[in-house]
Amino acid sequence: MHSKRLGSYAYLKAEEFDDAISDADEFIKRNPEGHLGYVLKASALREIDRIEEAINLLKSAPEKARAHETMPALLKELENECALDNVLAKDHPEILRFERFVKWLRDGGAKFDKVKMRYYSANYRGVHAKLRVKKNEVLVYIPLNLIITLEMSKEAPIGAKMEEAKLKLLSPKHSFLSSYVLQELRKPDSKWQPYLDMLPKSTNNFPIFFTPEERTWLTGSPFLQQVETKIEDVSRDYQTIIDTVPEFSQFTLKEFSHVRMLISSRIFGINVNNVKTDSLVPLADMLNHKCPQQTSWEYKEDVKGFVIDVKEPIPRGDEIYDSYGRKCNSRFFMNYGFILENNQDNEVPIKIWLDKSDPLFSAKYDIIQQDDPKTIRISESPQNKNLEDLFSYLRFTEFQGDPMVLYKFEFQKQTKKRSDENDFYETYHGTYFPPLSTENEVAALEKAIKLAKDMLAQYKTTYEEDLKILETDKTLTFNHRNCVMMRSGEKKILLKLIELGNLGLEYIKLPIKKAKDLYSKVKDKDMLDMYFVKMLFPFMSSTNK
């Protein structure tokens, strides 16, 4: 039979915390001056998120028990954890709003016993594990009656008129959901009020709301044009709705834009009754982003609700994340208002014009039939194949020779739709043009270098200066820091393209064996492999160099 001490240890290990507490109480009765009973009970209380009770227990222990070295150490850990959970006072308006929100969720049938909200400041929060969470465990359940769906927004007074008019909106689902939220915000007795009260009051971290001064921090960045386009698109959708549904003018463009960006940062695509829809899911939309994926979510018909499952064990106290997917920082910045450090999925759009002084301009124009520049987004990710498209098109634009060769090249504009946002962006993809000749490849490499250098010249700072700013400038605001991270990420890719071009110009003059030997010594090849391994070296081998 276990002694009382071993019993408490066994209960703790088995995560039978109520039994561990009872066992520790008995141990304390038998030996009130000893420290062990208090340590065991406090540890069990800690595991079920009764931190303040554990602190009070240790502080009220007899002096002899408190004198043991384990007691002060455990007390300090508990007090530190309690401080993290109580950054805001218990009567802070944000805490009171959250308590009302939790009650509303529970009254509506939601289940989330193992999660808690931790506020890092009044404007920044995260969802944390209140208890240890096991792999494959259901973490959150939100019933359908607590979910705002696209269909619901189309049945509301304004949404019904928008649907009847079959409006041609740039972002239909976001506009419908925004109209619904705006209507509900005006209702003093809205059933959604506890949830709507939890939505951020400020969206100033979204680039479309940046001040003129903040935008100067993006000088030279192609992202600025995306911001302008987004502002125009949101304004256009707003005006489209007003033109058909005049009563929508009760909401200002500023109000619409604010809610519109909130929707873009927290919308979930789900299937309800085998019908694909878009939705706002309270609590689930409060999880911050992190890759790789820690949780998974879906709407489940058998339980008629939205469920978040855990893909890996989560220790008590740790933050719980959702993955918003792998995206370029331009998408995170635009639609979520934040930037990821060291984001390998960063992209930079490169615009390429046909040279009107080119002797073959007419033939090349005849093939592409476009006056506007071609935009190709390249990334440092080794999985990104747009580098093939870039060099394929550069071989086309820089080609000099028999124009009949060019007519083998099929090139068409593709308009792609982002999965998380009904925004469209242009990219270009055509039949792959492999290296044609040494002369042509040299011209393509030189053009790539020039394009990158021309883009870098548009910025006010260098990549190295940006890194120093991020490291040493302690006065940066959140928005300023994101701007520096945004532009430095673009510069990093452009510098890598210049490195690629210079190495290519060096290697193409060498025997293939020597070129490969030199390349084997190059560090950080992620972006480079796509060109050298897939394009240049096979070409050099085929020409017996």
Protein backbone atom coordinates (compact mmCIF):
# COMPACT_ATOMS: atom_id res chain seq x y z
CA MET A 1 0.00 0.00 0.00
CA HIS A 2 1.29 3.51 -0.85
CA SER A 3 2.19 5.82 1.98
CA LYS A 4 0.22 9.08 2.01
CA ARG A 5 3.15 10.86 0.36
CA LEU A 6 3.44 8.31 -2.42
CA GLY A 7 -0.34 8.38 -2.85
CA SER A 8 -0.34 12.11 -3.55
CA TYR A 9 2.52 11.73 -6.01
CA ALA A 10 0.66 8.91 -7.76
CA TYR A 11 -2.54 10.95 -8.00
CA LEU A 12 -0.63 13.91 -9.43
CA LYS A 13 1.05 11.75 -12.03
CA ALA A 14 -2.30 10.18 -12.95
CA GLU A 15 -3.82 13.68 -13.17
CA GLU A 16 -6.38 12.77 -10.51
CA PHE A 17 -6.06 16.17 -8.90
CA ASP A 18 -9.10 16.09 -6.63
CA ASP A 19 -7.81 12.86 -5.08
CA ALA A 20 -4.34 14.40 -4.85
CA ILE A 21 -5.77 17.38 -2.93
CA SER A 22 -7.72 15.14 -0.54
CA ASP A 23 -4.68 12.96 0.01
CA ALA A 24 -2.49 16.01 0.65
CA ASP A 25 -5.02 17.37 3.17
CA GLU A 26 -4.78 14.16 5.14
CA PHE A 27 -1.01 14.32 4.98
CA ILE A 28 -1.06 17.89 6.32
CA LYS A 29 -3.29 16.79 9.22
CA ARG A 30 -0.84 14.04 10.10
CA ASN A 31 2.22 16.28 9.78
CA PRO A 32 1.18 19.98 9.88
CA GLU A 33 4.77 21.21 10.41
CA GLY A 34 6.14 19.37 7.39
CA HIS A 35 6.43 21.08 4.03
CA LEU A 36 5.55 18.17 1.75
CA GLY A 37 1.79 18.15 2.22
CA TYR A 38 1.60 21.85 1.34
CA VAL A 39 3.81 21.40 -1.73
CA LEU A 40 1.71 18.49 -2.98
CA LYS A 41 -1.59 20.27 -2.45
CA ALA A 42 -0.34 23.53 -4.00
CA SER A 43 0.96 21.59 -6.99
CA ALA A 44 -2.41 19.90 -7.47
CA LEU A 45 -4.27 23.21 -7.12
CA ARG A 46 -1.94 24.72 -9.69
CA GLU A 47 -2.76 22.02 -12.21
CA ILE A 48 -6.48 22.82 -12.03
CA ASP A 49 -5.85 26.57 -12.33
CA ARG A 50 -6.60 27.44 -8.71
CA ILE A 51 -3.40 29.48 -8.51
CA GLU A 52 -4.50 32.07 -5.95
CA GLU A 53 -5.74 29.32 -3.63
CA ALA A 54 -2.35 27.60 -3.93
CA ILE A 55 -0.55 30.86 -3.09
CA ASN A 56 -2.70 31.43 -0.01
CA LEU A 57 -2.08 27.86 1.12
CA LEU A 58 1.71 28.26 1.01
CA LYS A 59 1.59 31.64 2.71
CA SER A 60 -0.58 30.28 5.55
CA ALA A 61 1.62 27.24 6.19
CA PRO A 62 3.43 27.05 9.56
CA GLU A 63 6.78 28.83 9.75
CA LYS A 64 8.71 25.56 9.91
CA ALA A 65 7.09 24.31 6.70
CA ARG A 66 7.67 27.65 4.97
CA ALA A 67 11.33 27.51 5.91
CA HIS A 68 11.98 24.51 3.67
CA GLU A 69 13.80 25.53 0.48
CA THR A 70 11.12 24.13 -1.83
CA MET A 71 8.41 26.39 -0.43
CA PRO A 72 9.80 29.84 -1.42
CA ALA A 73 10.71 28.57 -4.88
CA LEU A 74 7.24 27.16 -5.53
CA LEU A 75 5.60 30.28 -4.10
CA LYS A 76 7.60 32.50 -6.45
CA GLU A 77 6.61 30.38 -9.46
CA LEU A 78 2.94 30.58 -8.48
CA GLU A 79 3.07 34.34 -7.92
CA ASN A 80 4.74 34.86 -11.29
CA GLU A 81 2.05 32.79 -12.99
CA CYS A 82 -0.68 34.64 -11.12
CA ALA A 83 0.80 37.95 -12.28
CA LEU A 84 0.62 36.78 -15.90
CA ASP A 85 -3.05 35.97 -15.45
CA ASN A 86 -3.80 39.30 -13.80
CA VAL A 87 -2.14 41.95 -15.96
CA LEU A 88 -5.49 43.73 -15.93
CA ALA A 89 -7.37 44.35 -12.69
CA LYS A 90 -10.39 42.16 -12.06
CA ASP A 91 -12.69 45.19 -12.43
CA HIS A 92 -11.06 46.37 -15.68
CA PRO A 93 -13.75 46.95 -18.36
CA GLU A 94 -12.07 44.44 -20.67
CA ILE A 95 -12.16 41.73 -18.00
CA LEU A 96 -15.81 42.47 -17.24
CA ARG A 97 -16.66 42.27 -20.94
CA PHE A 98 -14.90 38.94 -21.19
CA GLU A 99 -16.78 37.55 -18.17
CA ARG A 100 -20.09 38.52 -19.80
CA PHE A 101 -18.90 36.90 -23.02
CA VAL A 102 -18.00 33.66 -21.22
CA LYS A 103 -21.41 33.54 -19.54
CA TRP A 104 -23.12 34.14 -22.90
CA LEU A 105 -21.11 31.30 -24.46
CA ARG A 106 -21.87 28.86 -21.65
CA ASP A 107 -25.56 29.79 -21.58
CA GLY A 108 -25.67 29.12 -25.32
CA GLY A 109 -24.21 25.63 -24.95
CA ALA A 110 -20.53 26.25 -25.78
CA LYS A 111 -17.89 24.09 -24.09
CA PHE A 112 -14.32 25.21 -23.46
CA ASP A 113 -13.42 24.06 -19.95
CA LYS A 114 -9.69 23.78 -20.62
CA VAL A 115 -9.06 27.24 -22.03
CA LYS A 116 -8.70 30.70 -20.52
CA MET A 117 -7.99 34.17 -21.84
CA ARG A 118 -4.75 35.82 -20.85
CA TYR A 119 -4.44 39.57 -21.37
CA TYR A 120 -0.96 40.88 -22.12
CA SER A 121 -2.35 44.42 -22.22
CA ALA A 122 -5.78 46.02 -22.60
CA ASN A 123 -5.48 45.67 -26.38
CA TYR A 124 -3.62 42.37 -26.74
CA ARG A 125 -4.71 38.96 -25.57
CA GLY A 126 -4.24 35.27 -26.24
CA VAL A 127 -6.04 31.99 -25.56
CA HIS A 128 -4.14 29.75 -23.12
CA ALA A 129 -4.54 26.25 -21.74
CA LYS A 130 -6.14 26.41 -18.29
CA LEU A 131 -5.45 22.69 -17.86
CA ARG A 132 -3.14 20.30 -19.67
CA VAL A 133 -4.64 19.30 -23.01
CA LYS A 134 -4.09 15.85 -24.51
CA LYS A 135 -3.51 15.05 -28.16
CA ASN A 136 -6.73 14.69 -30.20
CA GLU A 137 -8.78 16.14 -27.35
CA VAL A 138 -11.71 18.42 -28.21
CA LEU A 139 -10.67 21.83 -26.96
CA VAL A 140 -13.57 24.07 -27.97
CA TYR A 141 -17.16 23.42 -29.03
CA ILE A 142 -19.32 26.28 -30.34
CA PRO A 143 -22.91 25.30 -31.25
CA LEU A 144 -24.53 26.53 -34.46
CA ASN A 145 -26.83 28.89 -32.56
CA LEU A 146 -23.75 30.92 -31.54
CA ILE A 147 -22.32 31.18 -35.06
CA ILE A 148 -22.99 34.07 -37.45
CA THR A 149 -23.29 32.68 -40.98
CA LEU A 150 -23.35 34.21 -44.44
CA GLU A 151 -26.93 32.97 -44.90
CA MET A 152 -27.96 34.82 -41.75
CA SER A 153 -26.52 38.05 -43.10
CA LYS A 154 -28.40 37.62 -46.39
CA GLU A 155 -31.69 37.29 -44.51
CA ALA A 156 -31.20 40.52 -42.55
CA PRO A 157 -33.06 43.64 -43.82
CA ILE A 158 -30.11 45.19 -45.67
CA GLY A 159 -28.56 41.87 -46.69
CA ALA A 160 -31.86 40.72 -48.23
CA LYS A 161 -31.93 43.80 -50.46
CA MET A 162 -28.29 43.30 -51.40
CA GLU A 163 -29.01 39.69 -52.32
CA GLU A 164 -32.11 40.58 -54.32
CA ALA A 165 -30.18 43.21 -56.29
CA LYS A 166 -27.44 40.66 -57.10
CA LEU A 167 -24.78 43.24 -56.43
CA LYS A 168 -21.43 42.80 -58.15
CA LEU A 169 -19.16 43.19 -55.16
CA LEU A 170 -15.40 42.71 -55.13
CA SER A 171 -15.64 40.95 -51.77
CA PRO A 172 -19.21 39.60 -51.49
CA LYS A 173 -18.96 37.42 -48.40
CA HIS A 174 -17.03 40.03 -46.42
CA SER A 175 -19.45 42.77 -47.44
CA PHE A 176 -22.55 40.75 -46.48
CA LEU A 177 -21.11 39.77 -43.09
CA SER A 178 -19.96 43.34 -42.50
CA SER A 179 -23.44 44.67 -43.21
CA TYR A 180 -24.91 42.21 -40.72
CA VAL A 181 -22.44 43.07 -37.96
CA LEU A 182 -23.00 46.79 -38.52
CA GLN A 183 -26.76 46.32 -38.17
CA GLU A 184 -26.39 44.26 -35.01
CA LEU A 185 -24.01 46.80 -33.48
CA ARG A 186 -26.79 49.38 -33.70
CA LYS A 187 -29.27 47.17 -31.85
CA PRO A 188 -29.20 47.71 -28.06
CA ASP A 189 -30.81 44.30 -27.53
CA SER A 190 -28.84 42.27 -30.09
CA LYS A 191 -28.38 38.65 -29.06
CA TRP A 192 -24.80 38.98 -30.33
CA GLN A 193 -23.90 41.93 -28.09
CA PRO A 194 -21.60 39.99 -25.70
CA TYR A 195 -19.65 38.72 -28.72
CA LEU A 196 -19.64 42.04 -30.58
CA ASP A 197 -18.35 43.74 -27.41
CA MET A 198 -15.27 41.52 -27.63
CA LEU A 199 -14.34 42.62 -31.15
CA PRO A 200 -11.33 44.96 -31.24
CA LYS A 201 -12.29 48.61 -30.98
CA SER A 202 -9.32 49.69 -33.06
CA THR A 203 -8.05 48.47 -36.42
CA ASN A 204 -5.23 51.01 -36.62
CA ASN A 205 -2.74 48.17 -37.03
CA PHE A 206 -4.22 47.40 -40.47
CA PRO A 207 -2.26 49.22 -43.20
CA ILE A 208 -5.35 50.73 -44.85
CA PHE A 209 -5.82 52.82 -41.70
CA PHE A 210 -2.20 53.98 -41.43
CA THR A 211 -1.49 57.68 -41.04
CA PRO A 212 0.49 59.48 -43.78
CA GLU A 213 3.52 59.43 -41.47
CA GLU A 214 3.24 55.67 -40.97
CA ARG A 215 3.01 55.12 -44.71
CA THR A 216 6.32 56.88 -45.24
CA TRP A 217 7.90 53.90 -43.50
CA LEU A 218 6.85 51.84 -46.51
CA THR A 219 8.37 54.18 -49.10
CA GLY A 220 9.69 52.15 -52.01
CA SER A 221 7.73 49.04 -51.10
CA PRO A 222 5.42 47.56 -53.75
CA PHE A 223 3.13 46.76 -50.83
CA LEU A 224 2.06 50.41 -50.78
CA GLN A 225 0.24 49.91 -54.08
CA GLN A 226 -1.58 46.92 -52.61
CA VAL A 227 -2.70 49.11 -49.72
CA GLU A 228 -4.02 51.75 -52.11
CA THR A 229 -5.84 49.08 -54.10
CA LYS A 230 -7.42 47.67 -50.94
CA ILE A 231 -8.63 51.11 -49.89
CA GLU A 232 -10.18 51.62 -53.33
CA ASP A 233 -11.79 48.17 -53.30
CA VAL A 234 -13.37 48.60 -49.86
CA SER A 235 -14.63 52.06 -50.84
CA ARG A 236 -16.03 50.71 -54.10
CA ASP A 237 -17.97 47.93 -52.35
CA TYR A 238 -19.32 50.45 -49.84
CA GLN A 239 -20.55 52.73 -52.61
CA THR A 240 -22.02 49.80 -54.56
CA ILE A 241 -24.15 48.87 -51.56
CA ILE A 242 -25.31 52.45 -50.96
CA ASP A 243 -26.24 52.94 -54.60
CA THR A 244 -28.70 50.05 -54.35
CA VAL A 245 -29.60 50.11 -50.66
CA PRO A 246 -29.68 53.81 -49.67
CA GLU A 247 -30.38 53.09 -46.00
CA PHE A 248 -26.90 51.61 -45.75
CA SER A 249 -25.62 55.21 -45.76
CA GLN A 250 -26.48 55.28 -42.02
CA PHE A 251 -23.09 53.60 -41.68
CA THR A 252 -20.05 55.66 -42.63
CA LEU A 253 -17.26 54.42 -44.88
CA LYS A 254 -15.01 54.50 -41.81
CA GLU A 255 -17.38 52.20 -39.89
CA PHE A 256 -17.73 49.85 -42.86
CA SER A 257 -13.96 49.73 -43.40
CA HIS A 258 -13.35 48.98 -39.72
CA VAL A 259 -15.81 46.08 -39.60
CA ARG A 260 -14.75 44.93 -43.06
CA MET A 261 -11.15 44.38 -41.90
CA LEU A 262 -12.33 42.71 -38.68
CA ILE A 263 -14.26 40.24 -40.83
CA SER A 264 -11.27 39.53 -43.07
CA SER A 265 -9.13 38.69 -40.04
CA ARG A 266 -11.57 36.25 -38.40
CA ILE A 267 -13.76 34.63 -41.05
CA PHE A 268 -14.08 30.83 -41.15
CA GLY A 269 -15.15 28.82 -44.18
CA ILE A 270 -17.30 25.88 -43.03
CA ASN A 271 -19.84 23.37 -44.35
CA VAL A 272 -23.24 23.29 -42.66
CA ASN A 273 -25.76 20.68 -43.84
CA ASN A 274 -23.39 19.98 -46.75
CA VAL A 275 -23.61 23.61 -47.85
CA LYS A 276 -20.42 25.65 -47.98
CA THR A 277 -20.73 28.93 -46.11
CA ASP A 278 -18.64 31.55 -44.35
CA SER A 279 -18.98 32.41 -40.71
CA LEU A 280 -17.89 34.23 -37.60
CA VAL A 281 -17.22 31.82 -34.74
CA PRO A 282 -16.99 33.42 -31.27
CA LEU A 283 -13.95 32.42 -29.18
CA ALA A 284 -12.47 30.39 -32.05
CA ASP A 285 -11.60 33.68 -33.74
CA MET A 286 -9.51 34.74 -30.74
CA LEU A 287 -6.71 32.22 -31.26
CA ASN A 288 -3.51 33.83 -32.51
CA HIS A 289 -1.53 32.45 -35.46
CA LYS A 290 1.39 30.05 -35.42
CA CYS A 291 2.88 27.49 -37.79
CA PRO A 292 3.14 24.55 -37.85
CA GLN A 293 -0.48 23.71 -37.17
CA GLN A 294 -1.20 23.01 -33.49
CA THR A 295 -4.97 22.71 -33.71
CA SER A 296 -7.53 21.84 -36.37
CA TRP A 297 -11.11 22.98 -36.74
CA GLU A 298 -14.26 22.11 -38.62
CA TYR A 299 -18.02 22.23 -38.37
CA LYS A 300 -19.31 18.78 -37.38
CA GLU A 301 -22.82 17.76 -38.33
CA ASP A 302 -23.08 15.06 -35.67
CA VAL A 303 -22.74 17.61 -32.87
CA LYS A 304 -24.19 20.57 -34.81
CA GLY A 305 -21.31 22.82 -33.96
CA PHE A 306 -17.83 24.14 -34.63
CA VAL A 307 -15.13 22.01 -33.01
CA ILE A 308 -11.44 22.72 -32.36
CA ASP A 309 -9.31 19.61 -31.88
CA VAL A 310 -5.74 19.49 -30.61
CA LYS A 311 -3.10 17.87 -32.82
CA GLU A 312 -0.43 17.72 -30.13
CA PRO A 313 -0.33 17.84 -26.30
CA ILE A 314 -0.45 21.37 -24.89
CA PRO A 315 1.03 21.97 -21.41
CA ARG A 316 -1.04 23.87 -18.89
CA GLY A 317 -0.46 27.61 -19.21
CA ASP A 318 0.83 27.54 -22.79
CA GLU A 319 -0.79 29.69 -25.44
CA ILE A 320 -3.05 27.82 -27.87
CA TYR A 321 -2.69 28.76 -31.53
CA ASP A 322 -4.56 28.39 -34.76
CA SER A 323 -2.71 28.31 -38.06
CA TYR A 324 -3.93 30.89 -40.56
CA GLY A 325 -1.97 29.02 -43.21
CA ARG A 326 1.30 29.73 -44.98
CA LYS A 327 1.17 33.20 -46.47
CA CYS A 328 3.34 36.04 -47.63
CA ASN A 329 3.72 38.82 -45.06
CA SER A 330 1.86 41.14 -47.41
CA ARG A 331 -1.25 39.03 -46.80
CA PHE A 332 -0.74 38.76 -43.05
CA PHE A 333 -0.12 42.50 -42.86
CA MET A 334 -3.06 43.50 -45.06
CA ASN A 335 -5.71 41.14 -43.72
CA TYR A 336 -4.61 40.50 -40.13
CA GLY A 337 -2.52 43.53 -39.19
CA PHE A 338 0.67 41.72 -38.17
CA ILE A 339 3.97 40.54 -39.62
CA LEU A 340 5.86 37.27 -39.11
CA GLU A 341 9.60 37.34 -38.52
CA ASN A 342 11.70 35.14 -40.82
CA ASN A 343 8.71 34.22 -42.97
CA GLN A 344 10.03 31.92 -45.69
CA ASP A 345 6.79 32.36 -47.63
CA ASN A 346 7.46 36.06 -48.18
CA GLU A 347 7.02 37.21 -51.76
CA VAL A 348 7.97 40.29 -53.70
CA PRO A 349 6.15 41.23 -56.93
CA ILE A 350 8.49 41.98 -59.83
CA LYS A 351 7.11 43.96 -62.76
CA ILE A 352 8.62 43.38 -66.19
CA TRP A 353 7.98 45.64 -69.18
CA LEU A 354 8.71 44.92 -72.81
CA ASP A 355 11.41 47.24 -74.15
CA LYS A 356 9.87 49.28 -76.96
CA SER A 357 13.32 49.87 -78.45
CA ASP A 358 13.82 46.11 -78.79
CA PRO A 359 14.10 45.13 -82.50
CA LEU A 360 11.76 42.21 -81.74
CA PHE A 361 9.26 44.31 -79.76
CA SER A 362 6.49 43.89 -82.36
CA ALA A 363 6.84 40.10 -82.43
CA LYS A 364 6.92 39.86 -78.64
CA TYR A 365 3.95 42.20 -78.25
CA ASP A 366 2.04 40.18 -80.83
CA ILE A 367 2.43 37.13 -78.61
CA ILE A 368 1.47 38.62 -75.24
CA GLN A 369 -0.99 41.28 -76.46
CA GLN A 370 -0.60 43.31 -73.29
CA ASP A 371 0.57 46.87 -72.72
CA ASP A 372 0.83 46.55 -68.96
CA PRO A 373 3.90 45.11 -67.25
CA LYS A 374 3.93 41.47 -66.29
CA THR A 375 3.98 40.87 -62.55
CA ILE A 376 5.64 37.75 -61.18
CA ARG A 377 5.79 37.18 -57.43
CA ILE A 378 8.96 35.45 -56.33
CA SER A 379 9.68 33.95 -52.94
CA GLU A 380 12.68 32.69 -51.03
CA SER A 381 10.82 29.44 -50.37
CA PRO A 382 12.33 26.44 -52.18
CA GLN A 383 8.78 25.25 -52.90
CA ASN A 384 7.90 28.42 -54.80
CA LYS A 385 8.08 27.76 -58.53
CA ASN A 386 7.50 31.35 -59.59
CA LEU A 387 11.24 31.68 -60.08
CA GLU A 388 10.79 29.39 -63.08
CA ASP A 389 8.16 31.78 -64.44
CA LEU A 390 10.43 34.76 -63.85
CA PHE A 391 13.37 33.36 -65.79
CA SER A 392 11.13 31.83 -68.41
CA TYR A 393 9.68 35.26 -69.13
CA LEU A 394 13.06 37.00 -68.95
CA ARG A 395 14.38 34.59 -71.58
CA PHE A 396 11.43 35.67 -73.69
CA THR A 397 11.86 39.42 -73.16
CA GLU A 398 15.65 39.34 -73.64
CA PHE A 399 15.62 36.98 -76.63
CA GLN A 400 17.41 38.10 -79.78
CA GLY A 401 17.33 35.82 -82.79
CA ASP A 402 14.79 34.13 -85.05
CA PRO A 403 11.39 35.51 -83.90
CA MET A 404 9.72 32.21 -84.89
CA VAL A 405 11.26 30.70 -81.76
CA LEU A 406 9.15 33.08 -79.70
CA TYR A 407 5.87 31.75 -81.05
CA LYS A 408 6.48 28.50 -79.21
CA PHE A 409 6.02 30.52 -76.06
CA GLU A 410 2.45 30.66 -74.78
CA PHE A 411 1.96 33.28 -72.17
CA GLN A 412 -1.27 34.28 -70.52
CA LYS A 413 -2.43 36.39 -67.64
CA GLN A 414 -4.08 34.47 -64.82
CA THR A 415 -6.24 36.07 -62.18
CA LYS A 416 -6.01 34.14 -58.97
CA LYS A 417 -8.38 34.24 -56.03
CA ARG A 418 -7.02 34.04 -52.52
CA SER A 419 -8.65 31.39 -50.37
CA ASP A 420 -8.96 33.57 -47.27
CA GLU A 421 -9.94 36.80 -48.96
CA ASN A 422 -12.13 37.59 -51.96
CA ASP A 423 -9.43 39.84 -53.32
CA PHE A 424 -7.92 39.18 -56.70
CA TYR A 425 -4.35 39.67 -57.76
CA GLU A 426 -2.68 39.27 -61.09
CA THR A 427 0.14 36.91 -61.79
CA TYR A 428 1.53 35.52 -64.99
CA HIS A 429 2.34 32.00 -65.97
CA GLY A 430 3.25 30.58 -69.31
CA THR A 431 4.75 27.59 -71.03
CA TYR A 432 8.12 26.99 -69.42
CA PHE A 433 10.95 28.38 -71.54
CA PRO A 434 14.16 26.55 -70.60
CA PRO A 435 17.55 28.18 -71.15
CA LEU A 436 17.91 28.73 -74.91
CA SER A 437 21.56 29.65 -75.23
CA THR A 438 24.42 30.93 -73.15
CA GLU A 439 23.97 34.41 -74.57
CA ASN A 440 20.26 34.48 -73.82
CA GLU A 441 20.73 33.13 -70.28
CA VAL A 442 23.38 35.77 -69.57
CA ALA A 443 20.95 38.45 -70.77
CA ALA A 444 18.18 37.02 -68.54
CA LEU A 445 20.49 36.98 -65.52
CA GLU A 446 21.65 40.54 -66.16
CA LYS A 447 18.03 41.67 -66.49
CA ALA A 448 17.09 39.97 -63.21
CA ILE A 449 19.94 41.78 -61.45
CA LYS A 450 18.90 45.13 -62.93
CA LEU A 451 15.25 44.68 -61.96
CA ALA A 452 16.22 43.86 -58.37
CA LYS A 453 18.66 46.76 -58.11
CA ASP A 454 16.12 49.19 -59.53
CA MET A 455 13.58 48.10 -56.93
CA LEU A 456 16.09 48.37 -54.09
CA ALA A 457 16.93 51.90 -55.19
CA GLN A 458 13.34 52.96 -54.44
CA TYR A 459 13.73 52.40 -50.69
CA LYS A 460 15.08 55.02 -48.30
CA THR A 461 17.09 52.50 -46.30
CA THR A 462 19.22 49.46 -46.99
CA TYR A 463 18.52 45.94 -45.78
CA GLU A 464 21.38 46.21 -43.28
CA GLU A 465 20.03 49.51 -41.96
CA ASP A 466 16.62 47.93 -41.47
CA LEU A 467 18.10 45.10 -39.45
CA LYS A 468 19.92 47.59 -37.25
CA ILE A 469 16.71 49.59 -36.72
CA LEU A 470 14.86 46.44 -35.66
CA GLU A 471 17.64 45.47 -33.28
CA THR A 472 18.44 48.80 -31.66
CA ASP A 473 15.54 51.24 -32.01
CA LYS A 474 13.49 50.83 -28.84
CA THR A 475 11.12 53.67 -29.78
CA LEU A 476 9.49 51.83 -32.69
CA THR A 477 5.72 51.65 -32.51
CA PHE A 478 3.97 48.40 -33.40
CA ASN A 479 3.09 49.76 -36.84
CA HIS A 480 6.55 51.19 -37.48
CA ARG A 481 8.15 47.89 -36.57
CA ASN A 482 5.81 45.98 -38.89
CA CYS A 483 6.65 48.38 -41.72
CA VAL A 484 10.38 47.83 -41.24
CA MET A 485 9.87 44.06 -41.13
CA MET A 486 7.72 44.24 -44.27
CA ARG A 487 10.23 46.19 -46.34
CA SER A 488 13.25 44.29 -45.04
CA GLY A 489 11.59 41.01 -46.03
CA GLU A 490 11.17 42.32 -49.57
CA LYS A 491 14.77 43.51 -49.69
CA LYS A 492 16.05 40.15 -48.51
CA ILE A 493 14.43 38.45 -51.52
CA LEU A 494 15.71 41.07 -53.95
CA LEU A 495 19.24 40.76 -52.58
CA LYS A 496 18.99 36.99 -52.95
CA LEU A 497 17.94 37.47 -56.58
CA ILE A 498 21.01 39.65 -57.15
CA GLU A 499 23.21 36.99 -55.53
CA LEU A 500 21.59 34.38 -57.78
CA GLY A 501 22.24 36.51 -60.84
CA ASN A 502 25.87 37.17 -60.00
CA LEU A 503 26.56 33.51 -59.24
CA GLY A 504 24.83 32.50 -62.47
CA LEU A 505 26.96 34.91 -64.50
CA GLU A 506 30.06 33.48 -62.83
CA TYR A 507 29.15 29.80 -63.18
CA ILE A 508 27.88 29.86 -66.75
CA LYS A 509 31.41 30.66 -67.96
CA LEU A 510 32.91 27.65 -66.14
CA PRO A 511 33.04 23.90 -66.79
CA ILE A 512 30.03 22.25 -65.20
CA LYS A 513 32.11 20.30 -62.67
CA LYS A 514 33.84 23.45 -61.45
CA ALA A 515 30.54 25.32 -61.26
CA LYS A 516 28.90 22.58 -59.19
CA ASP A 517 31.91 22.42 -56.89
CA LEU A 518 31.72 26.16 -56.21
CA TYR A 519 27.97 25.98 -55.69
CA SER A 520 28.33 23.22 -53.11
CA LYS A 521 30.11 25.74 -50.86
CA VAL A 522 27.35 28.32 -51.03
CA LYS A 523 25.28 28.76 -47.87
CA ASP A 524 21.53 29.35 -47.67
CA LYS A 525 20.52 27.75 -50.97
CA ASP A 526 16.76 27.62 -50.44
CA MET A 527 15.89 30.12 -53.16
CA LEU A 528 18.96 29.33 -55.27
CA ASP A 529 18.34 25.61 -55.80
CA MET A 530 15.29 26.25 -57.97
CA TYR A 531 17.48 28.06 -60.48
CA PHE A 532 20.80 26.24 -60.34
CA VAL A 533 19.66 22.65 -59.78
CA LYS A 534 16.50 22.79 -61.90
CA MET A 535 17.57 25.19 -64.67
CA LEU A 536 21.17 26.27 -65.11
CA PHE A 537 23.13 23.12 -64.36
CA PRO A 538 20.97 20.85 -66.58
CA PHE A 539 21.46 23.37 -69.40
CA MET A 540 25.21 23.48 -68.86
CA SER A 541 25.37 19.68 -68.80
CA SER A 542 23.43 19.46 -72.06
CA THR A 543 25.94 21.77 -73.75
CA ASN A 544 28.82 19.57 -72.50
CA LYS A 545 30.48 22.35 -70.55
